[in-house]
Amino acid sequence: MAKSKELFNDDSSGFEFVKEILEGDPTCAINFDRLQKQPQKGYIIFEYLLCEEEQKVNPHTSHPNRYWHKNAQKFISLFQVSRDLPGILVLVNYAKKGTKHENKVKVIVVKDIDKAKGITDSKETDMTKDKFKVWFRKLNKESCQ
């Protein structure tokens, strides 16, 4: 098994650097939260969607179609990249550790998108954080082979 380094820090400094360089210009790019290649599934693009505690929704009830009008281009672009690779787009709804809904995770495997209507075909699975951890760690280990 090819060993990679453990995760220690996020790359928010890269985000901040590009933000500074663009000086408020609209971006014509998207950031990937996670890209990995699994032997059987191929490339998997993960996009993590934080549900803030003050929102009326939680990770199990939130869905990108609820705010499609605000973030459509991000999801359309991620889906297009998943098709071009080819690969799979996986959206993960979660809440911060220590909040009321921290144990809720929703995994949305996006199968089709309509640019105007939103996600039109997907496989959605509500999980506990522990169940997600088992699934995700297994997938991660398989990707290291």
C-alpha atoms as a PDB file:
ATOM      1  CA  MET A   1       0.000   0.000   0.000  1.00  0.00           C
ATOM      2  CA  ALA A   2       1.409   3.404  -0.979  1.00  0.00           C
ATOM      3  CA  LYS A   3       1.639   5.502   2.160  1.00  0.00           C
ATOM      4  CA  SER A   4       0.811   9.182   2.014  1.00  0.00           C
ATOM      5  CA  LYS A   5       1.125  11.758   4.743  1.00  0.00           C
ATOM      6  CA  GLU A   6      -1.560  12.270   7.363  1.00  0.00           C
ATOM      7  CA  LEU A   7      -3.753  15.357   7.129  1.00  0.00           C
ATOM      8  CA  PHE A   8      -2.461  18.083   9.403  1.00  0.00           C
ATOM      9  CA  ASN A   9      -3.571  21.455   8.057  1.00  0.00           C
ATOM     10  CA  ASP A  10      -6.113  22.647   5.534  1.00  0.00           C
ATOM     11  CA  ASP A  11      -5.051  24.652   2.531  1.00  0.00           C
ATOM     12  CA  SER A  12      -7.002  27.773   3.412  1.00  0.00           C
ATOM     13  CA  SER A  13      -3.814  29.769   2.877  1.00  0.00           C
ATOM     14  CA  GLY A  14      -3.984  28.857  -0.834  1.00  0.00           C
ATOM     15  CA  PHE A  15      -7.576  30.045  -0.926  1.00  0.00           C
ATOM     16  CA  GLU A  16      -6.648  33.294   0.813  1.00  0.00           C
ATOM     17  CA  PHE A  17      -3.726  33.813  -1.567  1.00  0.00           C
ATOM     18  CA  VAL A  18      -5.898  33.484  -4.684  1.00  0.00           C
ATOM     19  CA  LYS A  19      -8.598  35.673  -3.123  1.00  0.00           C
ATOM     20  CA  GLU A  20      -6.016  38.387  -2.503  1.00  0.00           C
ATOM     21  CA  ILE A  21      -4.631  38.119  -6.041  1.00  0.00           C
ATOM     22  CA  LEU A  22      -8.090  38.349  -7.662  1.00  0.00           C
ATOM     23  CA  GLU A  23      -8.866  41.556  -5.721  1.00  0.00           C
ATOM     24  CA  GLY A  24     -12.624  40.955  -5.802  1.00  0.00           C
ATOM     25  CA  ASP A  25     -12.786  39.784  -9.440  1.00  0.00           C
ATOM     26  CA  PRO A  26     -15.331  37.003  -9.929  1.00  0.00           C
ATOM     27  CA  THR A  27     -13.566  33.664 -10.107  1.00  0.00           C
ATOM     28  CA  CYS A  28     -13.766  31.495 -13.187  1.00  0.00           C
ATOM     29  CA  ALA A  29     -12.636  28.416 -11.291  1.00  0.00           C
ATOM     30  CA  ILE A  30     -13.809  26.008  -8.629  1.00  0.00           C
ATOM     31  CA  ASN A  31     -11.980  24.581  -5.634  1.00  0.00           C
ATOM     32  CA  PHE A  32     -12.040  20.859  -4.985  1.00  0.00           C
ATOM     33  CA  ASP A  33     -12.497  19.797  -1.385  1.00  0.00           C
ATOM     34  CA  ARG A  34     -11.157  16.303  -2.090  1.00  0.00           C
ATOM     35  CA  LEU A  35     -10.215  14.300  -5.167  1.00  0.00           C
ATOM     36  CA  GLN A  36      -9.228  10.673  -4.916  1.00  0.00           C
ATOM     37  CA  LYS A  37      -9.011   7.686  -7.217  1.00  0.00           C
ATOM     38  CA  GLN A  38     -10.501   4.425  -6.043  1.00  0.00           C
ATOM     39  CA  PRO A  39      -9.554   1.273  -8.015  1.00  0.00           C
ATOM     40  CA  GLN A  40     -13.118   0.178  -8.867  1.00  0.00           C
ATOM     41  CA  LYS A  41     -15.015   3.458  -8.805  1.00  0.00           C
ATOM     42  CA  GLY A  42     -12.393   5.629 -10.498  1.00  0.00           C
ATOM     43  CA  TYR A  43     -12.092   9.297  -9.579  1.00  0.00           C
ATOM     44  CA  ILE A  44     -14.290  10.583  -6.786  1.00  0.00           C
ATOM     45  CA  ILE A  45     -14.790  14.308  -6.241  1.00  0.00           C
ATOM     46  CA  PHE A  46     -15.948  15.124  -2.717  1.00  0.00           C
ATOM     47  CA  GLU A  47     -17.593  18.442  -1.955  1.00  0.00           C
ATOM     48  CA  TYR A  48     -18.296  19.109   1.734  1.00  0.00           C
ATOM     49  CA  LEU A  49     -21.370  21.201   2.483  1.00  0.00           C
ATOM     50  CA  LEU A  50     -21.434  22.669   5.980  1.00  0.00           C
ATOM     51  CA  CYS A  51     -24.806  23.148   7.646  1.00  0.00           C
ATOM     52  CA  GLU A  52     -24.426  25.987  10.110  1.00  0.00           C
ATOM     53  CA  GLU A  53     -26.187  25.601  13.448  1.00  0.00           C
ATOM     54  CA  GLU A  54     -28.330  28.727  12.972  1.00  0.00           C
ATOM     55  CA  GLN A  55     -29.806  27.399   9.717  1.00  0.00           C
ATOM     56  CA  LYS A  56     -33.313  25.937   9.682  1.00  0.00           C
ATOM     57  CA  VAL A  57     -31.993  22.776   8.030  1.00  0.00           C
ATOM     58  CA  ASN A  58     -29.620  20.118   9.291  1.00  0.00           C
ATOM     59  CA  PRO A  59     -27.357  17.750   7.343  1.00  0.00           C
ATOM     60  CA  HIS A  60     -30.195  15.254   6.819  1.00  0.00           C
ATOM     61  CA  THR A  61     -32.720  17.848   5.588  1.00  0.00           C
ATOM     62  CA  SER A  62     -30.476  20.182   3.606  1.00  0.00           C
ATOM     63  CA  HIS A  63     -30.063  19.734  -0.144  1.00  0.00           C
ATOM     64  CA  PRO A  64     -28.272  21.823  -2.801  1.00  0.00           C
ATOM     65  CA  ASN A  65     -31.541  22.228  -4.714  1.00  0.00           C
ATOM     66  CA  ARG A  66     -32.801  24.369  -1.812  1.00  0.00           C
ATOM     67  CA  TYR A  67     -30.180  27.004  -2.618  1.00  0.00           C
ATOM     68  CA  TRP A  68     -29.579  26.211  -6.295  1.00  0.00           C
ATOM     69  CA  HIS A  69     -30.174  29.836  -7.258  1.00  0.00           C
ATOM     70  CA  LYS A  70     -27.178  30.880  -5.131  1.00  0.00           C
ATOM     71  CA  ASN A  71     -24.644  28.161  -5.960  1.00  0.00           C
ATOM     72  CA  ALA A  72     -25.709  26.498  -9.216  1.00  0.00           C
ATOM     73  CA  GLN A  73     -22.499  27.169 -11.130  1.00  0.00           C
ATOM     74  CA  LYS A  74     -20.365  25.487  -8.476  1.00  0.00           C
ATOM     75  CA  PHE A  75     -22.381  22.252  -8.659  1.00  0.00           C
ATOM     76  CA  ILE A  76     -22.699  22.361 -12.445  1.00  0.00           C
ATOM     77  CA  SER A  77     -18.922  22.755 -12.771  1.00  0.00           C
ATOM     78  CA  LEU A  78     -18.135  19.997 -10.282  1.00  0.00           C
ATOM     79  CA  PHE A  79     -20.552  17.659 -12.060  1.00  0.00           C
ATOM     80  CA  GLN A  80     -19.040  18.501 -15.455  1.00  0.00           C
ATOM     81  CA  VAL A  81     -15.541  17.729 -14.175  1.00  0.00           C
ATOM     82  CA  SER A  82     -16.805  14.417 -12.784  1.00  0.00           C
ATOM     83  CA  ARG A  83     -18.106  13.560 -16.272  1.00  0.00           C
ATOM     84  CA  ASP A  84     -14.938  14.700 -18.038  1.00  0.00           C
ATOM     85  CA  LEU A  85     -12.578  12.609 -15.862  1.00  0.00           C
ATOM     86  CA  PRO A  86     -14.756  10.334 -15.802  1.00  0.00           C
ATOM     87  CA  GLY A  87     -15.619  10.120 -12.152  1.00  0.00           C
ATOM     88  CA  ILE A  88     -18.250  10.434  -9.450  1.00  0.00           C
ATOM     89  CA  LEU A  89     -19.421  13.585  -7.656  1.00  0.00           C
ATOM     90  CA  VAL A  90     -20.194  13.026  -3.974  1.00  0.00           C
ATOM     91  CA  LEU A  91     -21.687  15.826  -1.892  1.00  0.00           C
ATOM     92  CA  VAL A  92     -21.402  15.455   1.872  1.00  0.00           C
ATOM     93  CA  ASN A  93     -23.654  17.472   4.193  1.00  0.00           C
ATOM     94  CA  TYR A  94     -22.221  17.803   7.683  1.00  0.00           C
ATOM     95  CA  ALA A  95     -22.305  19.979  10.807  1.00  0.00           C
ATOM     96  CA  LYS A  96     -19.398  21.213  12.908  1.00  0.00           C
ATOM     97  CA  LYS A  97     -18.133  19.176  15.828  1.00  0.00           C
ATOM     98  CA  GLY A  98     -19.756  20.236  19.093  1.00  0.00           C
ATOM     99  CA  THR A  99     -23.018  21.422  17.499  1.00  0.00           C
ATOM    100  CA  LYS A 100     -26.519  20.011  17.878  1.00  0.00           C
ATOM    101  CA  HIS A 101     -26.430  18.110  14.562  1.00  0.00           C
ATOM    102  CA  GLU A 102     -22.774  17.006  14.597  1.00  0.00           C
ATOM    103  CA  ASN A 103     -23.798  13.328  14.387  1.00  0.00           C
ATOM    104  CA  LYS A 104     -25.790  13.765  11.148  1.00  0.00           C
ATOM    105  CA  VAL A 105     -24.191  13.262   7.736  1.00  0.00           C
ATOM    106  CA  LYS A 106     -25.894  12.997   4.353  1.00  0.00           C
ATOM    107  CA  VAL A 107     -24.055  11.553   1.356  1.00  0.00           C
ATOM    108  CA  ILE A 108     -25.425  12.578  -2.052  1.00  0.00           C
ATOM    109  CA  VAL A 109     -24.002  10.769  -5.083  1.00  0.00           C
ATOM    110  CA  VAL A 110     -24.963  13.013  -7.987  1.00  0.00           C
ATOM    111  CA  LYS A 111     -26.048  11.127 -11.107  1.00  0.00           C
ATOM    112  CA  ASP A 112     -27.550  13.939 -13.182  1.00  0.00           C
ATOM    113  CA  ILE A 113     -28.002  17.692 -13.092  1.00  0.00           C
ATOM    114  CA  ASP A 114     -30.281  20.042 -14.978  1.00  0.00           C
ATOM    115  CA  LYS A 115     -28.678  23.482 -15.140  1.00  0.00           C
ATOM    116  CA  ALA A 116     -31.984  25.226 -14.442  1.00  0.00           C
ATOM    117  CA  LYS A 117     -33.663  22.730 -12.091  1.00  0.00           C
ATOM    118  CA  GLY A 118     -30.752  21.418 -10.055  1.00  0.00           C
ATOM    119  CA  ILE A 119     -29.875  17.853  -9.153  1.00  0.00           C
ATOM    120  CA  THR A 120     -32.398  15.645 -10.923  1.00  0.00           C
ATOM    121  CA  ASP A 121     -30.983  12.193 -10.143  1.00  0.00           C
ATOM    122  CA  SER A 122     -28.979  11.136  -7.107  1.00  0.00           C
ATOM    123  CA  LYS A 123     -28.506   8.441  -4.513  1.00  0.00           C
ATOM    124  CA  GLU A 124     -28.882   9.934  -1.042  1.00  0.00           C
ATOM    125  CA  THR A 125     -27.946   8.244   2.208  1.00  0.00           C
ATOM    126  CA  ASP A 126     -28.509   9.668   5.687  1.00  0.00           C
ATOM    127  CA  MET A 127     -25.866   8.428   8.099  1.00  0.00           C
ATOM    128  CA  THR A 128     -24.542   8.964  11.558  1.00  0.00           C
ATOM    129  CA  LYS A 129     -21.068  10.425  11.789  1.00  0.00           C
ATOM    130  CA  ASP A 130     -19.765   7.032  12.985  1.00  0.00           C
ATOM    131  CA  LYS A 131     -21.310   5.211  10.022  1.00  0.00           C
ATOM    132  CA  PHE A 132     -19.869   7.802   7.645  1.00  0.00           C
ATOM    133  CA  LYS A 133     -16.457   7.422   9.293  1.00  0.00           C
ATOM    134  CA  VAL A 134     -16.430   3.658   8.668  1.00  0.00           C
ATOM    135  CA  TRP A 135     -17.558   4.103   5.032  1.00  0.00           C
ATOM    136  CA  PHE A 136     -15.137   6.951   4.325  1.00  0.00           C
ATOM    137  CA  ARG A 137     -12.106   5.305   5.932  1.00  0.00           C
ATOM    138  CA  LYS A 138     -12.762   2.106   3.964  1.00  0.00           C
ATOM    139  CA  LEU A 139     -12.966   4.087   0.740  1.00  0.00           C
ATOM    140  CA  ASN A 140      -9.790   5.970   1.657  1.00  0.00           C
ATOM    141  CA  LYS A 141      -7.876   2.730   2.347  1.00  0.00           C
ATOM    142  CA  GLU A 142      -9.043   1.249  -0.960  1.00  0.00           C
ATOM    143  CA  SER A 143      -7.785   4.367  -2.717  1.00  0.00           C
ATOM    144  CA  CYS A 144      -4.295   3.915  -1.247  1.00  0.00           C
ATOM    145  CA  GLN A 145      -3.809   0.551  -2.978  1.00  0.00           C
END
